[in-house]
Amino acid sequence: MGISVNWIKSFVLVAAIISASSGVAQEAKKPVAKKPVASWVVNCNPARDGSSMICQMSQTFNEAKSKKRIMAISIRPQPTDKSKRPLMVLALPHGLHFPSGANFKVDDQPAVPIELQTSDQNGVYSATPLGPKTIAAMKRGNVITVTMFAAANKPLAIPVSLVGFTAAFNKINSSK
């Protein structure tokens, strides 16, 4: 079964007309204001007993050239904690000054100290419960700044967008 040359020419002509007309239509449209894209990713897995889903929200920051992780931040509910305060876990790079710890602040609020707790071949880790005032500040805030200190006690601050925080936080708490 052969395709005629005329059929191919007709197909190409119709495709060109459609393409040109869609380009004109696109040019005629007014620019649309872009909405901020949610920065938080929500991942859920079944609980060990299979009775519910356990979800966490996270962001990961990688070095541009090497693509190596610089920092990961995750927040998850603590169903076994009597206070029910969510837990913020930081995965940080090697080479940090443990006695200096780290800290975080929401927008221009005072910094909250974080203890560096352990390390392995992948980095340094810290976990801290978040109180209701901190969660409320994150919901209405723009950025969390996580500051860590290198071995020479030199600060390294990483801004973490709070775009999409409230939606992600509500999702991880509704999946119980």
N, C-alpha and C. Protein backbone atom coordinates (compact mmCIF):
# COMPACT_ATOMS: atom_id res chain seq x y z
N MET A 1 0.86 -1.17 0.00
CA MET A 1 0.00 0.00 0.00
C MET A 1 0.90 1.23 0.00
N GLY A 2 0.83 2.01 -1.05
CA GLY A 2 1.68 3.18 -1.16
C GLY A 2 0.93 4.46 -0.85
N ILE A 3 1.67 5.43 -0.37
CA ILE A 3 1.10 6.74 -0.09
C ILE A 3 1.50 7.63 -1.25
N SER A 4 0.51 8.32 -1.80
CA SER A 4 0.80 9.15 -2.98
C SER A 4 1.54 10.41 -2.58
N VAL A 5 2.31 10.93 -3.51
CA VAL A 5 3.06 12.17 -3.30
C VAL A 5 2.10 13.32 -3.05
N ASN A 6 0.96 13.35 -3.75
CA ASN A 6 -0.02 14.41 -3.54
C ASN A 6 -0.56 14.38 -2.12
N TRP A 7 -0.81 13.17 -1.57
CA TRP A 7 -1.31 13.05 -0.21
C TRP A 7 -0.29 13.63 0.78
N ILE A 8 0.99 13.32 0.60
CA ILE A 8 2.04 13.84 1.48
C ILE A 8 2.10 15.35 1.39
N LYS A 9 2.05 15.90 0.15
CA LYS A 9 2.08 17.35 -0.02
C LYS A 9 0.88 17.99 0.67
N SER A 10 -0.30 17.40 0.54
CA SER A 10 -1.50 17.93 1.18
C SER A 10 -1.36 17.91 2.70
N PHE A 11 -0.83 16.81 3.23
CA PHE A 11 -0.64 16.67 4.67
C PHE A 11 0.31 17.75 5.19
N VAL A 12 1.43 17.94 4.49
CA VAL A 12 2.42 18.95 4.90
C VAL A 12 1.81 20.34 4.85
N LEU A 13 1.03 20.64 3.79
CA LEU A 13 0.39 21.94 3.66
C LEU A 13 -0.60 22.19 4.79
N VAL A 14 -1.44 21.21 5.11
CA VAL A 14 -2.42 21.35 6.20
C VAL A 14 -1.68 21.53 7.53
N ALA A 15 -0.64 20.76 7.78
CA ALA A 15 0.12 20.88 9.02
C ALA A 15 0.75 22.27 9.14
N ALA A 16 1.26 22.80 8.03
CA ALA A 16 1.87 24.13 8.04
C ALA A 16 0.83 25.20 8.33
N ILE A 17 -0.36 25.07 7.74
CA ILE A 17 -1.43 26.05 7.99
C ILE A 17 -1.85 26.01 9.45
N ILE A 18 -2.05 24.80 10.01
CA ILE A 18 -2.44 24.66 11.41
C ILE A 18 -1.37 25.25 12.32
N SER A 19 -0.13 24.95 12.02
CA SER A 19 0.98 25.46 12.83
C SER A 19 1.04 26.97 12.78
N ALA A 20 0.90 27.55 11.61
CA ALA A 20 0.97 29.00 11.45
C ALA A 20 -0.20 29.67 12.15
N SER A 21 -1.40 29.09 12.03
CA SER A 21 -2.57 29.72 12.64
C SER A 21 -2.51 29.62 14.16
N SER A 22 -1.95 28.53 14.70
CA SER A 22 -1.84 28.44 16.16
C SER A 22 -0.80 29.42 16.67
N GLY A 23 0.23 29.69 15.87
CA GLY A 23 1.23 30.68 16.26
C GLY A 23 0.64 32.07 16.32
N VAL A 24 -0.24 32.40 15.35
CA VAL A 24 -0.89 33.70 15.34
C VAL A 24 -1.81 33.81 16.55
N ALA A 25 -2.54 32.74 16.85
CA ALA A 25 -3.45 32.76 18.00
C ALA A 25 -2.67 32.93 19.29
N GLN A 26 -1.51 32.29 19.38
CA GLN A 26 -0.71 32.43 20.59
C GLN A 26 -0.18 33.85 20.74
N GLU A 27 0.21 34.48 19.62
CA GLU A 27 0.72 35.84 19.68
C GLU A 27 -0.37 36.81 20.09
N ALA A 28 -1.64 36.53 19.74
CA ALA A 28 -2.72 37.43 20.04
C ALA A 28 -3.12 37.37 21.52
N LYS A 29 -2.77 36.29 22.21
CA LYS A 29 -3.14 36.16 23.62
C LYS A 29 -2.35 37.15 24.47
N LYS A 30 -3.03 37.64 25.51
CA LYS A 30 -2.35 38.53 26.44
C LYS A 30 -1.48 37.69 27.36
N PRO A 31 -0.36 38.24 27.83
CA PRO A 31 0.48 37.49 28.76
C PRO A 31 -0.30 37.20 30.05
N VAL A 32 -0.12 36.01 30.54
CA VAL A 32 -0.79 35.59 31.76
C VAL A 32 0.21 35.64 32.90
N ALA A 33 -0.20 36.21 34.02
CA ALA A 33 0.69 36.25 35.19
C ALA A 33 0.95 34.83 35.65
N LYS A 34 2.21 34.52 35.88
CA LYS A 34 2.57 33.17 36.31
C LYS A 34 2.34 33.02 37.80
N LYS A 35 1.73 31.89 38.18
CA LYS A 35 1.56 31.58 39.59
C LYS A 35 2.84 30.91 40.08
N PRO A 36 3.21 31.14 41.34
CA PRO A 36 4.37 30.43 41.87
C PRO A 36 4.10 28.92 41.86
N VAL A 37 5.11 28.17 41.55
CA VAL A 37 5.00 26.72 41.52
C VAL A 37 5.30 26.19 42.93
N ALA A 38 4.49 25.26 43.38
CA ALA A 38 4.70 24.69 44.70
C ALA A 38 6.09 24.05 44.76
N SER A 39 6.79 24.35 45.84
CA SER A 39 8.16 23.87 46.00
C SER A 39 8.25 22.54 46.74
N TRP A 40 7.19 22.16 47.41
CA TRP A 40 7.21 20.97 48.27
C TRP A 40 6.67 19.76 47.53
N VAL A 41 7.34 18.63 47.73
CA VAL A 41 6.91 17.36 47.15
C VAL A 41 6.36 16.51 48.30
N VAL A 42 5.21 15.89 48.08
CA VAL A 42 4.61 15.02 49.10
C VAL A 42 4.75 13.58 48.63
N ASN A 43 5.29 12.74 49.52
CA ASN A 43 5.43 11.31 49.26
C ASN A 43 4.71 10.55 50.37
N CYS A 44 3.95 9.53 49.99
CA CYS A 44 3.21 8.72 50.97
C CYS A 44 3.54 7.24 50.76
N ASN A 45 3.62 6.52 51.88
CA ASN A 45 3.84 5.09 51.86
C ASN A 45 2.93 4.44 52.89
N PRO A 46 2.55 3.18 52.67
CA PRO A 46 1.70 2.51 53.65
C PRO A 46 2.45 2.32 54.98
N ALA A 47 1.70 2.45 56.07
CA ALA A 47 2.28 2.17 57.39
C ALA A 47 2.65 0.69 57.46
N ARG A 48 3.53 0.33 58.37
CA ARG A 48 3.97 -1.07 58.48
C ARG A 48 2.81 -2.04 58.66
N ASP A 49 1.81 -1.62 59.43
CA ASP A 49 0.66 -2.51 59.66
C ASP A 49 -0.38 -2.40 58.55
N GLY A 50 -0.16 -1.51 57.59
CA GLY A 50 -1.05 -1.36 56.45
C GLY A 50 -2.35 -0.64 56.77
N SER A 51 -2.49 -0.12 57.97
CA SER A 51 -3.75 0.51 58.38
C SER A 51 -3.92 1.93 57.86
N SER A 52 -2.84 2.57 57.49
CA SER A 52 -2.93 3.96 57.04
C SER A 52 -1.74 4.29 56.14
N MET A 53 -1.75 5.51 55.66
CA MET A 53 -0.63 6.00 54.87
C MET A 53 0.20 6.95 55.73
N ILE A 54 1.50 6.89 55.58
CA ILE A 54 2.40 7.82 56.26
C ILE A 54 3.01 8.70 55.17
N CYS A 55 2.80 10.01 55.32
CA CYS A 55 3.25 10.95 54.29
C CYS A 55 4.26 11.93 54.87
N GLN A 56 5.11 12.43 54.00
CA GLN A 56 6.03 13.50 54.36
C GLN A 56 6.15 14.46 53.20
N MET A 57 6.50 15.69 53.52
CA MET A 57 6.73 16.71 52.50
C MET A 57 8.21 17.04 52.50
N SER A 58 8.77 17.35 51.33
CA SER A 58 10.21 17.57 51.30
C SER A 58 10.63 18.47 50.14
N GLN A 59 11.86 18.95 50.27
CA GLN A 59 12.57 19.65 49.20
C GLN A 59 14.02 19.19 49.27
N THR A 60 14.65 19.07 48.12
CA THR A 60 16.05 18.70 48.05
C THR A 60 16.80 19.74 47.24
N PHE A 61 18.00 20.09 47.71
CA PHE A 61 18.84 21.08 47.05
C PHE A 61 20.13 20.42 46.63
N ASN A 62 20.44 20.52 45.33
CA ASN A 62 21.64 19.89 44.77
C ASN A 62 22.60 20.95 44.25
N GLU A 63 23.88 20.62 44.29
CA GLU A 63 24.91 21.49 43.73
C GLU A 63 24.75 21.45 42.21
N ALA A 64 24.82 22.60 41.57
CA ALA A 64 24.50 22.72 40.15
C ALA A 64 25.38 21.84 39.25
N LYS A 65 26.69 21.86 39.43
CA LYS A 65 27.56 21.12 38.53
C LYS A 65 27.57 19.62 38.82
N SER A 66 27.82 19.25 40.06
CA SER A 66 27.99 17.84 40.39
C SER A 66 26.67 17.12 40.64
N LYS A 67 25.60 17.88 40.86
CA LYS A 67 24.28 17.33 41.19
C LYS A 67 24.26 16.63 42.54
N LYS A 68 25.31 16.81 43.35
CA LYS A 68 25.35 16.20 44.68
C LYS A 68 24.41 16.96 45.61
N ARG A 69 23.79 16.21 46.51
CA ARG A 69 22.88 16.83 47.46
C ARG A 69 23.64 17.73 48.43
N ILE A 70 23.15 18.96 48.57
CA ILE A 70 23.68 19.88 49.56
C ILE A 70 22.84 19.79 50.82
N MET A 71 21.51 19.76 50.62
CA MET A 71 20.60 19.70 51.75
C MET A 71 19.27 19.12 51.30
N ALA A 72 18.66 18.38 52.20
CA ALA A 72 17.28 17.94 52.02
C ALA A 72 16.55 18.29 53.30
N ILE A 73 15.33 18.77 53.16
CA ILE A 73 14.49 19.10 54.31
C ILE A 73 13.20 18.33 54.15
N SER A 74 12.77 17.66 55.21
CA SER A 74 11.48 16.96 55.17
C SER A 74 10.73 17.24 56.46
N ILE A 75 9.42 17.25 56.34
CA ILE A 75 8.55 17.45 57.49
C ILE A 75 7.51 16.34 57.44
N ARG A 76 7.31 15.72 58.60
CA ARG A 76 6.34 14.63 58.66
C ARG A 76 5.66 14.61 60.03
N PRO A 77 4.42 14.11 60.05
CA PRO A 77 3.74 13.99 61.34
C PRO A 77 4.43 12.93 62.19
N GLN A 78 4.26 13.05 63.49
CA GLN A 78 4.77 12.04 64.42
C GLN A 78 3.57 11.40 65.12
N PRO A 79 3.00 10.37 64.54
CA PRO A 79 1.78 9.81 65.12
C PRO A 79 2.00 9.20 66.52
N THR A 80 3.22 8.78 66.82
CA THR A 80 3.47 8.17 68.13
C THR A 80 3.86 9.19 69.19
N ASP A 81 4.12 10.43 68.78
CA ASP A 81 4.49 11.48 69.72
C ASP A 81 3.22 12.03 70.37
N LYS A 82 3.19 12.06 71.70
CA LYS A 82 1.99 12.53 72.41
C LYS A 82 1.67 13.98 72.10
N SER A 83 2.70 14.79 71.83
CA SER A 83 2.46 16.20 71.53
C SER A 83 1.90 16.40 70.12
N LYS A 84 2.03 15.39 69.26
CA LYS A 84 1.57 15.44 67.86
C LYS A 84 2.27 16.52 67.05
N ARG A 85 3.44 16.99 67.53
CA ARG A 85 4.17 18.01 66.78
C ARG A 85 4.87 17.36 65.59
N PRO A 86 4.78 17.98 64.41
CA PRO A 86 5.49 17.43 63.25
C PRO A 86 7.01 17.51 63.46
N LEU A 87 7.70 16.64 62.79
CA LEU A 87 9.15 16.56 62.90
C LEU A 87 9.79 17.09 61.62
N MET A 88 10.75 18.01 61.76
CA MET A 88 11.52 18.49 60.62
C MET A 88 12.87 17.79 60.65
N VAL A 89 13.20 17.11 59.56
CA VAL A 89 14.46 16.39 59.45
C VAL A 89 15.30 17.07 58.38
N LEU A 90 16.55 17.37 58.72
CA LEU A 90 17.48 17.97 57.77
C LEU A 90 18.58 16.96 57.45
N ALA A 91 18.87 16.79 56.19
CA ALA A 91 20.03 16.02 55.73
C ALA A 91 21.00 17.04 55.15
N LEU A 92 22.13 17.19 55.81
CA LEU A 92 23.09 18.24 55.49
C LEU A 92 24.39 17.63 54.97
N PRO A 93 25.29 18.44 54.40
CA PRO A 93 26.54 17.89 53.86
C PRO A 93 27.56 17.59 54.95
N HIS A 94 28.58 16.83 54.57
CA HIS A 94 29.72 16.58 55.47
C HIS A 94 30.50 17.87 55.69
N GLY A 95 31.37 17.86 56.68
CA GLY A 95 32.28 18.97 56.90
C GLY A 95 31.70 20.07 57.77
N LEU A 96 30.62 19.77 58.51
CA LEU A 96 30.02 20.78 59.37
C LEU A 96 30.65 20.76 60.76
N HIS A 97 30.61 21.90 61.40
CA HIS A 97 31.13 22.05 62.76
C HIS A 97 30.01 21.67 63.73
N PHE A 98 30.09 20.45 64.30
CA PHE A 98 29.02 19.94 65.15
C PHE A 98 28.71 20.85 66.33
N PRO A 99 29.72 21.37 67.06
CA PRO A 99 29.39 22.21 68.22
C PRO A 99 28.59 23.46 67.86
N SER A 100 28.75 23.99 66.64
CA SER A 100 28.00 25.18 66.22
C SER A 100 26.57 24.84 65.84
N GLY A 101 26.33 23.59 65.54
CA GLY A 101 24.98 23.18 65.15
C GLY A 101 24.54 23.85 63.87
N ALA A 102 23.26 24.10 63.81
CA ALA A 102 22.65 24.78 62.67
C ALA A 102 21.48 25.58 63.23
N ASN A 103 20.81 26.31 62.38
CA ASN A 103 19.60 27.01 62.81
C ASN A 103 18.71 27.24 61.60
N PHE A 104 17.47 27.59 61.91
CA PHE A 104 16.55 27.97 60.83
C PHE A 104 15.71 29.13 61.33
N LYS A 105 15.26 29.92 60.37
CA LYS A 105 14.35 31.01 60.70
C LYS A 105 13.34 31.16 59.57
N VAL A 106 12.15 31.58 59.94
CA VAL A 106 11.10 31.85 58.97
C VAL A 106 11.10 33.35 58.72
N ASP A 107 11.31 33.73 57.47
CA ASP A 107 11.38 35.14 57.08
C ASP A 107 12.35 35.89 58.01
N ASP A 108 11.88 36.94 58.66
CA ASP A 108 12.77 37.74 59.50
C ASP A 108 12.63 37.44 60.99
N GLN A 109 12.03 36.31 61.32
CA GLN A 109 11.88 35.95 62.73
C GLN A 109 13.23 35.51 63.30
N PRO A 110 13.34 35.47 64.62
CA PRO A 110 14.61 35.02 65.23
C PRO A 110 14.94 33.57 64.84
N ALA A 111 16.22 33.30 64.75
CA ALA A 111 16.68 31.95 64.39
C ALA A 111 16.42 30.97 65.52
N VAL A 112 16.07 29.74 65.14
CA VAL A 112 15.83 28.65 66.09
C VAL A 112 17.01 27.69 65.97
N PRO A 113 17.75 27.44 67.07
CA PRO A 113 18.90 26.55 66.99
C PRO A 113 18.48 25.09 66.75
N ILE A 114 19.32 24.39 66.02
CA ILE A 114 19.10 22.97 65.72
C ILE A 114 20.38 22.23 66.08
N GLU A 115 20.24 21.15 66.81
CA GLU A 115 21.40 20.32 67.17
C GLU A 115 21.69 19.34 66.03
N LEU A 116 22.96 19.25 65.65
CA LEU A 116 23.38 18.24 64.67
C LEU A 116 23.52 16.94 65.45
N GLN A 117 22.82 15.88 65.03
CA GLN A 117 22.70 14.70 65.86
C GLN A 117 23.57 13.52 65.45
N THR A 118 23.71 13.29 64.17
CA THR A 118 24.46 12.11 63.75
C THR A 118 24.96 12.32 62.32
N SER A 119 25.80 11.40 61.87
CA SER A 119 26.27 11.45 60.48
C SER A 119 26.53 10.04 59.99
N ASP A 120 26.56 9.90 58.69
CA ASP A 120 26.93 8.64 58.05
C ASP A 120 27.64 8.97 56.74
N GLN A 121 27.81 8.00 55.86
CA GLN A 121 28.54 8.22 54.62
C GLN A 121 27.83 9.20 53.69
N ASN A 122 26.55 9.49 53.95
CA ASN A 122 25.79 10.39 53.08
C ASN A 122 25.68 11.82 53.59
N GLY A 123 26.03 12.06 54.86
CA GLY A 123 25.93 13.42 55.37
C GLY A 123 25.67 13.49 56.86
N VAL A 124 25.21 14.65 57.28
CA VAL A 124 24.94 14.96 58.69
C VAL A 124 23.43 15.15 58.83
N TYR A 125 22.88 14.70 59.97
CA TYR A 125 21.43 14.73 60.14
C TYR A 125 21.01 15.42 61.43
N SER A 126 19.83 16.00 61.34
CA SER A 126 19.24 16.67 62.49
C SER A 126 17.73 16.51 62.39
N ALA A 127 17.09 16.31 63.52
CA ALA A 127 15.63 16.24 63.56
C ALA A 127 15.15 17.10 64.72
N THR A 128 14.15 17.90 64.45
CA THR A 128 13.62 18.77 65.50
C THR A 128 12.10 18.87 65.35
N PRO A 129 11.38 18.75 66.47
CA PRO A 129 9.92 18.94 66.40
C PRO A 129 9.57 20.40 66.16
N LEU A 130 8.49 20.63 65.44
CA LEU A 130 8.04 21.98 65.13
C LEU A 130 6.76 22.26 65.91
N GLY A 131 6.75 23.36 66.65
CA GLY A 131 5.59 23.74 67.43
C GLY A 131 4.54 24.45 66.59
N PRO A 132 3.36 24.65 67.16
CA PRO A 132 2.26 25.29 66.43
C PRO A 132 2.59 26.71 65.95
N LYS A 133 3.34 27.47 66.73
CA LYS A 133 3.69 28.84 66.31
C LYS A 133 4.61 28.81 65.09
N THR A 134 5.54 27.86 65.07
CA THR A 134 6.46 27.75 63.93
C THR A 134 5.69 27.32 62.68
N ILE A 135 4.80 26.35 62.83
CA ILE A 135 4.00 25.90 61.68
C ILE A 135 3.14 27.05 61.15
N ALA A 136 2.53 27.81 62.04
CA ALA A 136 1.70 28.95 61.62
C ALA A 136 2.55 29.97 60.87
N ALA A 137 3.78 30.23 61.36
CA ALA A 137 4.67 31.17 60.68
C ALA A 137 5.06 30.65 59.30
N MET A 138 5.29 29.34 59.18
CA MET A 138 5.63 28.76 57.89
C MET A 138 4.46 28.86 56.91
N LYS A 139 3.25 28.68 57.41
CA LYS A 139 2.07 28.75 56.54
C LYS A 139 1.88 30.15 55.95
N ARG A 140 2.22 31.18 56.70
CA ARG A 140 2.03 32.53 56.18
C ARG A 140 3.33 33.16 55.68
N GLY A 141 4.44 32.43 55.79
CA GLY A 141 5.74 32.97 55.43
C GLY A 141 6.09 32.77 53.97
N ASN A 142 7.28 33.27 53.61
CA ASN A 142 7.79 33.18 52.24
C ASN A 142 8.99 32.25 52.12
N VAL A 143 9.85 32.24 53.15
CA VAL A 143 11.09 31.48 53.06
C VAL A 143 11.56 31.04 54.45
N ILE A 144 12.10 29.84 54.51
CA ILE A 144 12.83 29.37 55.68
C ILE A 144 14.30 29.49 55.29
N THR A 145 15.12 30.04 56.14
CA THR A 145 16.55 30.06 55.88
C THR A 145 17.21 29.10 56.86
N VAL A 146 17.85 28.07 56.30
CA VAL A 146 18.58 27.10 57.11
C VAL A 146 20.05 27.49 57.04
N THR A 147 20.65 27.73 58.20
CA THR A 147 22.06 28.11 58.26
C THR A 147 22.82 27.02 58.98
N MET A 148 23.90 26.57 58.36
CA MET A 148 24.80 25.58 58.96
C MET A 148 26.20 26.18 58.97
N PHE A 149 27.09 25.59 59.74
CA PHE A 149 28.42 26.16 59.88
C PHE A 149 29.46 25.12 59.48
N ALA A 150 30.37 25.53 58.58
CA ALA A 150 31.44 24.65 58.12
C ALA A 150 32.45 24.46 59.24
N ALA A 151 33.36 23.54 59.03
CA ALA A 151 34.36 23.22 60.06
C ALA A 151 35.11 24.46 60.53
N ALA A 152 35.30 25.43 59.68
CA ALA A 152 35.98 26.66 60.07
C ALA A 152 34.99 27.66 60.69
N ASN A 153 33.79 27.17 61.04
CA ASN A 153 32.72 27.97 61.63
C ASN A 153 32.21 29.05 60.67
N LYS A 154 32.38 28.81 59.37
CA LYS A 154 31.90 29.73 58.34
C LYS A 154 30.45 29.39 58.03
N PRO A 155 29.52 30.38 58.12
CA PRO A 155 28.10 30.07 57.88
C PRO A 155 27.78 29.84 56.41
N LEU A 156 26.86 28.92 56.18
CA LEU A 156 26.31 28.65 54.86
C LEU A 156 24.80 28.68 55.02
N ALA A 157 24.15 29.66 54.41
CA ALA A 157 22.70 29.81 54.53
C ALA A 157 22.02 29.37 53.24
N ILE A 158 20.99 28.54 53.38
CA ILE A 158 20.24 28.06 52.22
C ILE A 158 18.78 28.46 52.38
N PRO A 159 18.26 29.27 51.44
CA PRO A 159 16.84 29.64 51.51
C PRO A 159 15.96 28.51 50.98
N VAL A 160 14.88 28.25 51.70
CA VAL A 160 13.92 27.20 51.33
C VAL A 160 12.57 27.88 51.10
N SER A 161 12.06 27.77 49.90
CA SER A 161 10.78 28.41 49.57
C SER A 161 9.64 27.78 50.36
N LEU A 162 8.72 28.63 50.77
CA LEU A 162 7.51 28.16 51.44
C LEU A 162 6.30 28.16 50.50
N VAL A 163 6.53 28.37 49.21
CA VAL A 163 5.44 28.30 48.24
C VAL A 163 4.88 26.87 48.25
N GLY A 164 3.61 26.74 48.47
CA GLY A 164 2.97 25.43 48.50
C GLY A 164 3.05 24.73 49.84
N PHE A 165 3.63 25.40 50.85
CA PHE A 165 3.80 24.76 52.16
C PHE A 165 2.47 24.35 52.77
N THR A 166 1.50 25.27 52.81
CA THR A 166 0.23 24.99 53.47
C THR A 166 -0.48 23.81 52.82
N ALA A 167 -0.54 23.78 51.51
CA ALA A 167 -1.22 22.67 50.81
C ALA A 167 -0.52 21.35 51.10
N ALA A 168 0.81 21.34 51.06
CA ALA A 168 1.55 20.11 51.34
C ALA A 168 1.37 19.68 52.79
N PHE A 169 1.42 20.64 53.71
CA PHE A 169 1.26 20.33 55.13
C PHE A 169 -0.14 19.76 55.40
N ASN A 170 -1.14 20.36 54.81
CA ASN A 170 -2.50 19.84 54.97
C ASN A 170 -2.64 18.43 54.41
N LYS A 171 -1.97 18.18 53.30
CA LYS A 171 -2.04 16.85 52.68
C LYS A 171 -1.38 15.78 53.54
N ILE A 172 -0.22 16.07 54.12
CA ILE A 172 0.44 15.04 54.93
C ILE A 172 -0.31 14.80 56.24
N ASN A 173 -1.10 15.75 56.66
CA ASN A 173 -1.87 15.57 57.89
C ASN A 173 -3.26 14.99 57.66
N SER A 174 -3.70 14.97 56.41
CA SER A 174 -5.03 14.40 56.11
C SER A 174 -4.94 12.96 55.67
N SER A 175 -3.74 12.44 55.53
CA SER A 175 -3.56 11.08 54.98
C SER A 175 -3.58 10.01 56.06
N LYS A 176 -3.92 10.37 57.27
CA LYS A 176 -3.87 9.41 58.39
C LYS A 176 -4.90 8.32 58.28
